[in-house]
Each structure stands twice: as structure tokens, then as C-alpha cells.
Amino acid sequence: MELLIKLMLISVIRVLTVFLEQAIKPQIRKVIT
């Protein structure tokens, strides 16, 4: 059970990081230009 929970957490964290990158990158580009 613990292994499944860890795998689920890892997958959720990966999805969140990708989502955050897509949300933050455009703002960073606006600040740079």
C-alpha cells in the first residue's frame, strides 16, 4: 500500500510541476522582454 501511495504522490507532483512551468514561463518571458 505504501508503495502505491508513493507512486501516486510522485505522479501528482510531476503533473503539478509541468502545470506550474506552463503557467509561469509566459509570465517570466513577459518580465524579461
Protein backbone atom coordinates (compact mmCIF):
# COMPACT_ATOMS: atom_id res chain seq x y z
CA MET A 1 0.00 0.00 0.00
CA GLU A 2 2.77 2.45 0.91
CA LEU A 3 4.46 1.86 -2.45
CA LEU A 4 1.25 2.69 -4.31
CA ILE A 5 0.81 5.89 -2.30
CA LYS A 6 4.39 6.93 -3.05
CA LEU A 7 3.91 6.29 -6.78
CA MET A 8 0.68 8.29 -6.76
CA LEU A 9 2.39 11.19 -4.97
CA ILE A 10 5.27 11.18 -7.46
CA SER A 11 2.88 11.23 -10.43
CA VAL A 12 0.82 14.05 -8.91
CA ILE A 13 3.96 16.09 -8.18
CA ARG A 14 5.17 15.62 -11.77
CA VAL A 15 1.85 16.80 -13.17
CA LEU A 16 1.86 19.81 -10.84
CA THR A 17 5.42 20.78 -11.79
CA VAL A 18 4.60 20.60 -15.51
CA PHE A 19 1.42 22.64 -14.96
CA LEU A 20 3.30 25.25 -12.93
CA GLU A 21 6.05 25.52 -15.55
CA GLN A 22 3.50 26.11 -18.31
CA ALA A 23 1.74 28.73 -16.15
CA ILE A 24 4.91 30.54 -15.01
CA LYS A 25 7.06 30.53 -18.19
CA PRO A 26 4.85 33.02 -20.12
CA GLN A 27 4.96 35.43 -17.17
CA ILE A 28 8.75 35.17 -16.96
CA ARG A 29 9.01 35.90 -20.70
CA LYS A 30 6.82 38.98 -20.25
CA VAL A 31 9.07 40.23 -17.45
CA ILE A 32 12.25 39.65 -19.46
CA THR A 33 11.03 41.46 -22.58
